[in-house]
Amino acid sequence: MLTGYTRNKPSNSRTDATTVGGLLIGVGCLLIALWLEGGHLQQLVNVPAAIIVLGGTFGATLIGLSAQQLRDLPRILRQALVISPVDILHTIRWLVALSDKARREGLLALESDANATSDEFLKRALQLAIDGTDPELVRDILQLEITFLEERHRQGEQIFTSMGGYAPTMGVLGTVMGLIHMMSRIESPSQMGPAIATAFVATLYGVSFANLLFLPIASKLRARHAEEVLLREVIVEGILAIQSGENPRIVEQRLRAFLSQRQKRALPALRWHTHDDQNTQEHEAA
């Protein structure tokens, strides 16, 4: 049996430094600019404004969510905060190894490899090929699964895109409420400046949350989605090539078409191994 194909599990994933680092840099630059202008941090602290912006944003978003989407929200957020488990280079090497084994021993020999993999999509794809399912039907089944994966990912991305749209509006709403409150209590023109500045904190909150948190998270989810779909497209092409009995070198060349130039340069440095076939390892190293 080939060395089992695994993907990093979320529990073992590391925090994505670009997500956290980008947020810290964005907030840090705002605070530095405030300091350079002679301002003070307490000028930006406004609890009622935060309640209006965050509460209003989450409330408006919640209206458009189903119960299942609400339960999935922590998992969706986690996808943006941890490093993607996708390793397309390792997947290609493993598929090439499977194609070599299938040519030598037949598709039925891949049964143990299908059971050993931790990737459910790859396991189903392998099992369809092993069971002798018509290649066109295999493609249709797997592409249908990819289509619904895209829809689920789109819904997760749309949640944060919507929040990015609601937050600035809630900020304006908070500012208007602050101005109304200020105008009803103001006693002299000299009080207008500080009062207006305080009222506009809500707008700052709304724009900041939208452009430093919600919309960037939506962009990160979009990138994660593209990686996941690309990996599954690679798996589909690889399994179909294995099922048709293509030469392992042809399989590798076919799958390399999915890679960027940087990934193509990195691919020869990878290795796949077998437990019981040294010739397979030597063939791949050649």
C-alpha atoms as a PDB file:
ATOM      1  CA  MET A   1       0.000   0.000   0.000  1.00  0.00           C
ATOM      2  CA  LEU A   2       1.183   3.497  -0.760  1.00  0.00           C
ATOM      3  CA  THR A   3       1.845   5.870   2.086  1.00  0.00           C
ATOM      4  CA  GLY A   4      -1.596   7.175   3.088  1.00  0.00           C
ATOM      5  CA  TYR A   5      -2.679  10.496   1.671  1.00  0.00           C
ATOM      6  CA  THR A   6      -3.647  12.896   4.436  1.00  0.00           C
ATOM      7  CA  ARG A   7      -4.578  16.539   4.674  1.00  0.00           C
ATOM      8  CA  ASN A   8      -3.889  18.736   7.663  1.00  0.00           C
ATOM      9  CA  LYS A   9      -6.810  18.635  10.059  1.00  0.00           C
ATOM     10  CA  PRO A  10      -8.118  21.930  11.440  1.00  0.00           C
ATOM     11  CA  SER A  11      -7.072  20.963  14.969  1.00  0.00           C
ATOM     12  CA  ASN A  12      -3.482  20.767  13.793  1.00  0.00           C
ATOM     13  CA  SER A  13      -3.603  23.871  11.625  1.00  0.00           C
ATOM     14  CA  ARG A  14      -1.609  26.959  12.480  1.00  0.00           C
ATOM     15  CA  THR A  15      -3.008  30.447  12.626  1.00  0.00           C
ATOM     16  CA  ASP A  16      -2.697  32.242   9.300  1.00  0.00           C
ATOM     17  CA  ALA A  17      -0.123  34.975   9.934  1.00  0.00           C
ATOM     18  CA  THR A  18      -1.293  37.037   6.956  1.00  0.00           C
ATOM     19  CA  THR A  19      -4.822  37.329   8.344  1.00  0.00           C
ATOM     20  CA  VAL A  20      -3.780  38.267  11.867  1.00  0.00           C
ATOM     21  CA  GLY A  21      -0.799  40.329  10.693  1.00  0.00           C
ATOM     22  CA  GLY A  22      -2.877  42.293   8.212  1.00  0.00           C
ATOM     23  CA  LEU A  23      -5.435  43.150  10.871  1.00  0.00           C
ATOM     24  CA  LEU A  24      -2.746  44.252  13.325  1.00  0.00           C
ATOM     25  CA  ILE A  25      -0.999  46.371  10.685  1.00  0.00           C
ATOM     26  CA  GLY A  26      -4.247  48.051   9.657  1.00  0.00           C
ATOM     27  CA  VAL A  27      -5.298  48.884  13.212  1.00  0.00           C
ATOM     28  CA  GLY A  28      -1.745  49.864  14.126  1.00  0.00           C
ATOM     29  CA  CYS A  29      -1.479  52.339  11.258  1.00  0.00           C
ATOM     30  CA  LEU A  30      -4.734  54.000  12.300  1.00  0.00           C
ATOM     31  CA  LEU A  31      -3.499  54.394  15.869  1.00  0.00           C
ATOM     32  CA  ILE A  32      -0.106  55.711  14.731  1.00  0.00           C
ATOM     33  CA  ALA A  33      -1.820  58.263  12.478  1.00  0.00           C
ATOM     34  CA  LEU A  34      -3.993  59.337  15.401  1.00  0.00           C
ATOM     35  CA  TRP A  35      -0.908  59.785  17.589  1.00  0.00           C
ATOM     36  CA  LEU A  36       0.966  61.756  14.902  1.00  0.00           C
ATOM     37  CA  GLU A  37      -1.973  64.135  14.637  1.00  0.00           C
ATOM     38  CA  GLY A  38      -1.859  64.746  18.378  1.00  0.00           C
ATOM     39  CA  GLY A  39      -4.987  62.774  19.157  1.00  0.00           C
ATOM     40  CA  HIS A  40      -5.657  60.444  22.047  1.00  0.00           C
ATOM     41  CA  LEU A  41      -6.992  56.903  22.124  1.00  0.00           C
ATOM     42  CA  GLN A  42      -9.892  57.839  24.358  1.00  0.00           C
ATOM     43  CA  GLN A  43     -11.198  60.051  21.555  1.00  0.00           C
ATOM     44  CA  LEU A  44     -11.998  56.888  19.616  1.00  0.00           C
ATOM     45  CA  VAL A  45     -13.658  55.039  22.488  1.00  0.00           C
ATOM     46  CA  ASN A  46     -17.424  55.250  22.205  1.00  0.00           C
ATOM     47  CA  VAL A  47     -19.334  52.292  23.609  1.00  0.00           C
ATOM     48  CA  PRO A  48     -22.787  53.333  22.305  1.00  0.00           C
ATOM     49  CA  ALA A  49     -21.333  53.724  18.804  1.00  0.00           C
ATOM     50  CA  ALA A  50     -19.772  50.252  18.995  1.00  0.00           C
ATOM     51  CA  ILE A  51     -23.084  48.774  20.114  1.00  0.00           C
ATOM     52  CA  ILE A  52     -24.935  50.425  17.235  1.00  0.00           C
ATOM     53  CA  VAL A  53     -22.397  49.385  14.594  1.00  0.00           C
ATOM     54  CA  LEU A  54     -21.678  45.820  15.733  1.00  0.00           C
ATOM     55  CA  GLY A  55     -25.153  45.068  17.038  1.00  0.00           C
ATOM     56  CA  GLY A  56     -26.838  46.533  13.992  1.00  0.00           C
ATOM     57  CA  THR A  57     -24.483  44.749  11.601  1.00  0.00           C
ATOM     58  CA  PHE A  58     -24.903  41.344  13.222  1.00  0.00           C
ATOM     59  CA  GLY A  59     -28.642  41.854  13.547  1.00  0.00           C
ATOM     60  CA  ALA A  60     -29.072  42.764   9.884  1.00  0.00           C
ATOM     61  CA  THR A  61     -26.876  39.831   8.855  1.00  0.00           C
ATOM     62  CA  LEU A  62     -28.791  37.437  11.086  1.00  0.00           C
ATOM     63  CA  ILE A  63     -32.047  38.304   9.341  1.00  0.00           C
ATOM     64  CA  GLY A  64     -30.686  36.860   6.109  1.00  0.00           C
ATOM     65  CA  LEU A  65     -29.219  33.679   7.617  1.00  0.00           C
ATOM     66  CA  SER A  66     -30.766  30.273   8.058  1.00  0.00           C
ATOM     67  CA  ALA A  67     -30.298  28.343  11.303  1.00  0.00           C
ATOM     68  CA  GLN A  68     -27.771  26.056   9.592  1.00  0.00           C
ATOM     69  CA  GLN A  69     -25.734  28.982   8.289  1.00  0.00           C
ATOM     70  CA  LEU A  70     -25.677  30.462  11.774  1.00  0.00           C
ATOM     71  CA  ARG A  71     -24.335  27.193  13.195  1.00  0.00           C
ATOM     72  CA  ASP A  72     -21.705  27.075  10.452  1.00  0.00           C
ATOM     73  CA  LEU A  73     -20.504  30.634  11.094  1.00  0.00           C
ATOM     74  CA  PRO A  74     -17.701  29.713  13.572  1.00  0.00           C
ATOM     75  CA  ARG A  75     -16.389  27.082  11.154  1.00  0.00           C
ATOM     76  CA  ILE A  76     -16.483  29.552   8.263  1.00  0.00           C
ATOM     77  CA  LEU A  77     -14.618  32.150  10.304  1.00  0.00           C
ATOM     78  CA  ARG A  78     -12.022  29.559  11.278  1.00  0.00           C
ATOM     79  CA  GLN A  79     -11.262  28.928   7.604  1.00  0.00           C
ATOM     80  CA  ALA A  80     -10.042  32.516   7.307  1.00  0.00           C
ATOM     81  CA  LEU A  81      -7.952  32.373  10.473  1.00  0.00           C
ATOM     82  CA  VAL A  82      -5.985  29.160   9.939  1.00  0.00           C
ATOM     83  CA  ILE A  83      -3.539  28.143   7.237  1.00  0.00           C
ATOM     84  CA  SER A  84      -5.190  26.279   4.388  1.00  0.00           C
ATOM     85  CA  PRO A  85      -4.744  22.482   4.577  1.00  0.00           C
ATOM     86  CA  VAL A  86      -4.609  22.271   0.777  1.00  0.00           C
ATOM     87  CA  ASP A  87      -1.349  20.791  -0.557  1.00  0.00           C
ATOM     88  CA  ILE A  88      -1.781  20.439  -4.286  1.00  0.00           C
ATOM     89  CA  LEU A  89       1.817  19.333  -4.929  1.00  0.00           C
ATOM     90  CA  HIS A  90       1.541  16.430  -2.499  1.00  0.00           C
ATOM     91  CA  THR A  91      -1.793  15.487  -4.046  1.00  0.00           C
ATOM     92  CA  ILE A  92      -0.312  15.362  -7.547  1.00  0.00           C
ATOM     93  CA  ARG A  93       2.588  13.190  -6.410  1.00  0.00           C
ATOM     94  CA  TRP A  94       0.225  10.827  -4.672  1.00  0.00           C
ATOM     95  CA  LEU A  95      -2.027  10.564  -7.728  1.00  0.00           C
ATOM     96  CA  VAL A  96       0.995   9.829  -9.923  1.00  0.00           C
ATOM     97  CA  ALA A  97       2.038   7.111  -7.476  1.00  0.00           C
ATOM     98  CA  LEU A  98      -1.459   5.642  -7.659  1.00  0.00           C
ATOM     99  CA  SER A  99      -1.376   5.657 -11.458  1.00  0.00           C
ATOM    100  CA  ASP A 100       1.900   3.725 -11.408  1.00  0.00           C
ATOM    101  CA  LYS A 101       0.496   1.178  -8.970  1.00  0.00           C
ATOM    102  CA  ALA A 102      -2.745   0.819 -10.954  1.00  0.00           C
ATOM    103  CA  ARG A 103      -0.836   0.106 -14.189  1.00  0.00           C
ATOM    104  CA  ARG A 104       1.247  -2.578 -12.494  1.00  0.00           C
ATOM    105  CA  GLU A 105      -1.347  -4.211 -10.248  1.00  0.00           C
ATOM    106  CA  GLY A 106      -4.735  -3.102 -11.558  1.00  0.00           C
ATOM    107  CA  LEU A 107      -7.373  -0.738 -10.200  1.00  0.00           C
ATOM    108  CA  LEU A 108      -8.518  -3.206  -7.545  1.00  0.00           C
ATOM    109  CA  ALA A 109      -5.110  -2.868  -5.893  1.00  0.00           C
ATOM    110  CA  LEU A 110      -6.035   0.711  -4.971  1.00  0.00           C
ATOM    111  CA  GLU A 111      -8.761  -0.422  -2.559  1.00  0.00           C
ATOM    112  CA  SER A 112      -6.443  -0.208   0.448  1.00  0.00           C
ATOM    113  CA  ASP A 113      -5.267   3.253  -0.619  1.00  0.00           C
ATOM    114  CA  ALA A 114      -8.850   4.472  -0.889  1.00  0.00           C
ATOM    115  CA  ASN A 115      -9.528   3.280   2.648  1.00  0.00           C
ATOM    116  CA  ALA A 116      -6.317   4.875   3.959  1.00  0.00           C
ATOM    117  CA  THR A 117      -6.885   8.406   2.669  1.00  0.00           C
ATOM    118  CA  SER A 118      -8.322  11.034   5.001  1.00  0.00           C
ATOM    119  CA  ASP A 119      -9.784  13.074   2.129  1.00  0.00           C
ATOM    120  CA  GLU A 120     -13.412  12.017   1.710  1.00  0.00           C
ATOM    121  CA  PHE A 121     -13.687  13.477  -1.791  1.00  0.00           C
ATOM    122  CA  LEU A 122     -10.605  11.583  -2.965  1.00  0.00           C
ATOM    123  CA  LYS A 123     -11.844   8.419  -1.265  1.00  0.00           C
ATOM    124  CA  ARG A 124     -15.163   8.595  -3.115  1.00  0.00           C
ATOM    125  CA  ALA A 125     -13.430   9.334  -6.408  1.00  0.00           C
ATOM    126  CA  LEU A 126     -11.099   6.365  -6.004  1.00  0.00           C
ATOM    127  CA  GLN A 127     -13.945   4.067  -5.024  1.00  0.00           C
ATOM    128  CA  LEU A 128     -15.938   5.050  -8.099  1.00  0.00           C
ATOM    129  CA  ALA A 129     -12.956   4.217 -10.308  1.00  0.00           C
ATOM    130  CA  ILE A 130     -12.276   0.933  -8.499  1.00  0.00           C
ATOM    131  CA  ASP A 131     -15.929  -0.095  -8.854  1.00  0.00           C
ATOM    132  CA  GLY A 132     -15.650   0.257 -12.631  1.00  0.00           C
ATOM    133  CA  THR A 133     -18.051   3.183 -12.929  1.00  0.00           C
ATOM    134  CA  ASP A 134     -18.245   4.697 -16.411  1.00  0.00           C
ATOM    135  CA  PRO A 135     -15.662   7.537 -16.650  1.00  0.00           C
ATOM    136  CA  GLU A 136     -18.231  10.072 -17.826  1.00  0.00           C
ATOM    137  CA  LEU A 137     -20.477   9.186 -14.908  1.00  0.00           C
ATOM    138  CA  VAL A 138     -17.510   9.518 -12.543  1.00  0.00           C
ATOM    139  CA  ARG A 139     -16.818  12.989 -13.903  1.00  0.00           C
ATOM    140  CA  ASP A 140     -20.487  13.994 -13.646  1.00  0.00           C
ATOM    141  CA  ILE A 141     -20.775  12.819 -10.027  1.00  0.00           C
ATOM    142  CA  LEU A 142     -17.573  14.530  -8.911  1.00  0.00           C
ATOM    143  CA  GLN A 143     -18.287  17.747 -10.811  1.00  0.00           C
ATOM    144  CA  LEU A 144     -21.742  17.875  -9.237  1.00  0.00           C
ATOM    145  CA  GLU A 145     -20.138  17.660  -5.805  1.00  0.00           C
ATOM    146  CA  ILE A 146     -17.733  20.464  -6.736  1.00  0.00           C
ATOM    147  CA  THR A 147     -20.652  22.598  -7.918  1.00  0.00           C
ATOM    148  CA  PHE A 148     -22.432  22.298  -4.579  1.00  0.00           C
ATOM    149  CA  LEU A 149     -19.161  22.891  -2.736  1.00  0.00           C
ATOM    150  CA  GLU A 150     -18.841  26.158  -4.656  1.00  0.00           C
ATOM    151  CA  GLU A 151     -22.364  27.140  -3.634  1.00  0.00           C
ATOM    152  CA  ARG A 152     -21.697  26.424   0.047  1.00  0.00           C
ATOM    153  CA  HIS A 153     -18.478  28.409  -0.074  1.00  0.00           C
ATOM    154  CA  ARG A 154     -20.209  31.261  -1.883  1.00  0.00           C
ATOM    155  CA  GLN A 155     -22.786  31.461   0.886  1.00  0.00           C
ATOM    156  CA  GLY A 156     -20.072  31.652   3.548  1.00  0.00           C
ATOM    157  CA  GLU A 157     -18.254  34.375   1.653  1.00  0.00           C
ATOM    158  CA  GLN A 158     -21.508  36.268   1.125  1.00  0.00           C
ATOM    159  CA  ILE A 159     -22.112  36.448   4.882  1.00  0.00           C
ATOM    160  CA  PHE A 160     -18.993  38.541   5.432  1.00  0.00           C
ATOM    161  CA  THR A 161     -19.505  40.519   2.234  1.00  0.00           C
ATOM    162  CA  SER A 162     -22.951  41.484   3.537  1.00  0.00           C
ATOM    163  CA  MET A 163     -21.488  42.451   6.904  1.00  0.00           C
ATOM    164  CA  GLY A 164     -18.988  44.633   5.068  1.00  0.00           C
ATOM    165  CA  GLY A 165     -21.902  46.413   3.417  1.00  0.00           C
ATOM    166  CA  TYR A 166     -24.015  46.790   6.526  1.00  0.00           C
ATOM    167  CA  ALA A 167     -21.271  48.099   8.846  1.00  0.00           C
ATOM    168  CA  PRO A 168     -20.679  51.504   7.152  1.00  0.00           C
ATOM    169  CA  THR A 169     -24.427  52.069   6.940  1.00  0.00           C
ATOM    170  CA  MET A 170     -24.791  51.312  10.631  1.00  0.00           C
ATOM    171  CA  GLY A 171     -21.912  53.713  11.250  1.00  0.00           C
ATOM    172  CA  VAL A 172     -23.778  56.490   9.464  1.00  0.00           C
ATOM    173  CA  LEU A 173     -26.906  55.583  11.423  1.00  0.00           C
ATOM    174  CA  GLY A 174     -24.942  55.843  14.669  1.00  0.00           C
ATOM    175  CA  THR A 175     -23.547  59.207  13.613  1.00  0.00           C
ATOM    176  CA  VAL A 176     -27.007  60.552  12.789  1.00  0.00           C
ATOM    177  CA  MET A 177     -28.315  59.359  16.146  1.00  0.00           C
ATOM    178  CA  GLY A 178     -25.356  61.006  17.859  1.00  0.00           C
ATOM    179  CA  LEU A 179     -25.968  64.286  16.044  1.00  0.00           C
ATOM    180  CA  ILE A 180     -29.645  64.228  16.956  1.00  0.00           C
ATOM    181  CA  HIS A 181     -28.758  63.643  20.582  1.00  0.00           C
ATOM    182  CA  MET A 182     -26.092  66.355  20.436  1.00  0.00           C
ATOM    183  CA  MET A 183     -28.370  68.958  18.853  1.00  0.00           C
ATOM    184  CA  SER A 184     -31.064  68.363  21.448  1.00  0.00           C
ATOM    185  CA  ARG A 185     -28.674  68.994  24.339  1.00  0.00           C
ATOM    186  CA  ILE A 186     -26.252  71.608  23.031  1.00  0.00           C
ATOM    187  CA  GLU A 187     -26.334  74.926  24.855  1.00  0.00           C
ATOM    188  CA  SER A 188     -23.601  76.934  23.135  1.00  0.00           C
ATOM    189  CA  PRO A 189     -21.819  76.924  19.739  1.00  0.00           C
ATOM    190  CA  SER A 190     -18.504  76.153  21.462  1.00  0.00           C
ATOM    191  CA  GLN A 191     -19.793  72.716  22.387  1.00  0.00           C
ATOM    192  CA  MET A 192     -20.585  71.730  18.806  1.00  0.00           C
ATOM    193  CA  GLY A 193     -17.047  70.802  17.728  1.00  0.00           C
ATOM    194  CA  PRO A 194     -16.332  68.121  20.358  1.00  0.00           C
ATOM    195  CA  ALA A 195     -19.893  66.815  20.154  1.00  0.00           C
ATOM    196  CA  ILE A 196     -19.744  66.404  16.367  1.00  0.00           C
ATOM    197  CA  ALA A 197     -16.356  64.686  16.634  1.00  0.00           C
ATOM    198  CA  THR A 198     -17.795  62.203  19.113  1.00  0.00           C
ATOM    199  CA  ALA A 199     -20.793  61.547  16.879  1.00  0.00           C
ATOM    200  CA  PHE A 200     -18.559  60.710  13.911  1.00  0.00           C
ATOM    201  CA  VAL A 201     -16.803  57.940  15.843  1.00  0.00           C
ATOM    202  CA  ALA A 202     -19.665  55.653  14.803  1.00  0.00           C
ATOM    203  CA  THR A 203     -18.877  56.271  11.125  1.00  0.00           C
ATOM    204  CA  LEU A 204     -15.224  55.492  11.814  1.00  0.00           C
ATOM    205  CA  TYR A 205     -16.214  52.236  13.495  1.00  0.00           C
ATOM    206  CA  GLY A 206     -18.442  51.205  10.610  1.00  0.00           C
ATOM    207  CA  VAL A 207     -15.895  51.923   7.890  1.00  0.00           C
ATOM    208  CA  SER A 208     -13.069  50.345   9.892  1.00  0.00           C
ATOM    209  CA  PHE A 209     -14.897  47.114  10.688  1.00  0.00           C
ATOM    210  CA  ALA A 210     -16.001  46.794   7.070  1.00  0.00           C
ATOM    211  CA  ASN A 211     -12.619  47.414   5.446  1.00  0.00           C
ATOM    212  CA  LEU A 212     -10.271  45.975   8.054  1.00  0.00           C
ATOM    213  CA  LEU A 213     -12.247  42.908   9.088  1.00  0.00           C
ATOM    214  CA  PHE A 214     -15.398  41.853   7.264  1.00  0.00           C
ATOM    215  CA  LEU A 215     -14.440  42.458   3.610  1.00  0.00           C
ATOM    216  CA  PRO A 216     -10.864  41.118   4.032  1.00  0.00           C
ATOM    217  CA  ILE A 217     -12.289  37.954   5.612  1.00  0.00           C
ATOM    218  CA  ALA A 218     -14.604  37.590   2.610  1.00  0.00           C
ATOM    219  CA  SER A 219     -11.586  37.933   0.304  1.00  0.00           C
ATOM    220  CA  LYS A 220      -9.642  35.328   2.286  1.00  0.00           C
ATOM    221  CA  LEU A 221     -12.570  32.918   2.118  1.00  0.00           C
ATOM    222  CA  ARG A 222     -12.721  33.485  -1.644  1.00  0.00           C
ATOM    223  CA  ALA A 223      -9.041  32.572  -1.914  1.00  0.00           C
ATOM    224  CA  ARG A 224      -9.525  29.478   0.260  1.00  0.00           C
ATOM    225  CA  HIS A 225     -12.459  28.484  -1.925  1.00  0.00           C
ATOM    226  CA  ALA A 226     -10.382  28.793  -5.097  1.00  0.00           C
ATOM    227  CA  GLU A 227      -7.655  26.590  -3.588  1.00  0.00           C
ATOM    228  CA  GLU A 228     -10.161  23.926  -2.555  1.00  0.00           C
ATOM    229  CA  VAL A 229     -11.879  23.858  -5.939  1.00  0.00           C
ATOM    230  CA  LEU A 230      -8.544  23.670  -7.763  1.00  0.00           C
ATOM    231  CA  LEU A 231      -7.478  20.731  -5.607  1.00  0.00           C
ATOM    232  CA  ARG A 232     -10.685  18.881  -6.375  1.00  0.00           C
ATOM    233  CA  GLU A 233     -10.355  19.566 -10.092  1.00  0.00           C
ATOM    234  CA  VAL A 234      -6.864  18.061  -9.918  1.00  0.00           C
ATOM    235  CA  ILE A 235      -8.274  15.002  -8.151  1.00  0.00           C
ATOM    236  CA  VAL A 236     -10.981  14.564 -10.793  1.00  0.00           C
ATOM    237  CA  GLU A 237      -8.502  14.711 -13.675  1.00  0.00           C
ATOM    238  CA  GLY A 238      -6.056  12.458 -11.859  1.00  0.00           C
ATOM    239  CA  ILE A 239      -8.628   9.786 -11.041  1.00  0.00           C
ATOM    240  CA  LEU A 240      -9.966   9.769 -14.606  1.00  0.00           C
ATOM    241  CA  ALA A 241      -6.418   9.435 -15.945  1.00  0.00           C
ATOM    242  CA  ILE A 242      -5.765   6.554 -13.549  1.00  0.00           C
ATOM    243  CA  GLN A 243      -9.010   4.886 -14.584  1.00  0.00           C
ATOM    244  CA  SER A 244      -8.066   5.122 -18.262  1.00  0.00           C
ATOM    245  CA  GLY A 245      -4.677   3.510 -17.577  1.00  0.00           C
ATOM    246  CA  GLU A 246      -2.505   6.434 -18.654  1.00  0.00           C
ATOM    247  CA  ASN A 247       1.248   6.316 -18.194  1.00  0.00           C
ATOM    248  CA  PRO A 248       2.297   7.887 -14.854  1.00  0.00           C
ATOM    249  CA  ARG A 249       4.500  10.395 -16.658  1.00  0.00           C
ATOM    250  CA  ILE A 250       1.546  11.476 -18.783  1.00  0.00           C
ATOM    251  CA  VAL A 251      -0.601  11.724 -15.669  1.00  0.00           C
ATOM    252  CA  GLU A 252       1.973  13.975 -14.040  1.00  0.00           C
ATOM    253  CA  GLN A 253       2.245  16.197 -17.105  1.00  0.00           C
ATOM    254  CA  ARG A 254      -1.532  16.453 -17.287  1.00  0.00           C
ATOM    255  CA  LEU A 255      -1.795  17.509 -13.645  1.00  0.00           C
ATOM    256  CA  ARG A 256       1.118  19.935 -13.871  1.00  0.00           C
ATOM    257  CA  ALA A 257      -1.088  22.045 -16.149  1.00  0.00           C
ATOM    258  CA  PHE A 258      -3.003  23.136 -13.029  1.00  0.00           C
ATOM    259  CA  LEU A 259       0.109  24.591 -11.383  1.00  0.00           C
ATOM    260  CA  SER A 260       1.697  28.021 -11.433  1.00  0.00           C
ATOM    261  CA  GLN A 261       5.290  28.345 -12.641  1.00  0.00           C
ATOM    262  CA  ARG A 262       6.541  28.531  -9.064  1.00  0.00           C
ATOM    263  CA  GLN A 263       4.673  25.352  -8.154  1.00  0.00           C
ATOM    264  CA  LYS A 264       5.984  23.584 -11.247  1.00  0.00           C
ATOM    265  CA  ARG A 265       9.551  24.390 -10.196  1.00  0.00           C
ATOM    266  CA  ALA A 266       8.838  23.065  -6.709  1.00  0.00           C
ATOM    267  CA  LEU A 267       7.217  19.841  -7.890  1.00  0.00           C
ATOM    268  CA  PRO A 268      10.402  17.894  -8.789  1.00  0.00           C
ATOM    269  CA  ALA A 269      11.696  18.398  -5.235  1.00  0.00           C
ATOM    270  CA  LEU A 270       8.813  16.387  -3.786  1.00  0.00           C
ATOM    271  CA  ARG A 271       8.900  12.641  -3.287  1.00  0.00           C
ATOM    272  CA  TRP A 272       6.291   9.955  -2.854  1.00  0.00           C
ATOM    273  CA  HIS A 273       7.068   6.624  -1.257  1.00  0.00           C
ATOM    274  CA  THR A 274       5.695   3.115  -1.027  1.00  0.00           C
ATOM    275  CA  HIS A 275       5.935   0.695   1.814  1.00  0.00           C
ATOM    276  CA  ASP A 276       6.461  -2.340  -0.361  1.00  0.00           C
ATOM    277  CA  ASP A 277       7.737  -1.233  -3.768  1.00  0.00           C
ATOM    278  CA  GLN A 278      11.198   0.294  -4.036  1.00  0.00           C
ATOM    279  CA  ASN A 279      10.923   0.309  -7.832  1.00  0.00           C
ATOM    280  CA  THR A 280       8.044   2.765  -7.660  1.00  0.00           C
ATOM    281  CA  GLN A 281      10.143   5.152  -5.585  1.00  0.00           C
ATOM    282  CA  GLU A 282      13.056   4.889  -8.018  1.00  0.00           C
ATOM    283  CA  HIS A 283      10.732   5.518 -10.962  1.00  0.00           C
ATOM    284  CA  GLU A 284       9.432   8.718  -9.385  1.00  0.00           C
ATOM    285  CA  ALA A 285      12.925   9.954  -8.479  1.00  0.00           C
ATOM    286  CA  ALA A 286      14.120   9.467 -12.058  1.00  0.00           C
END
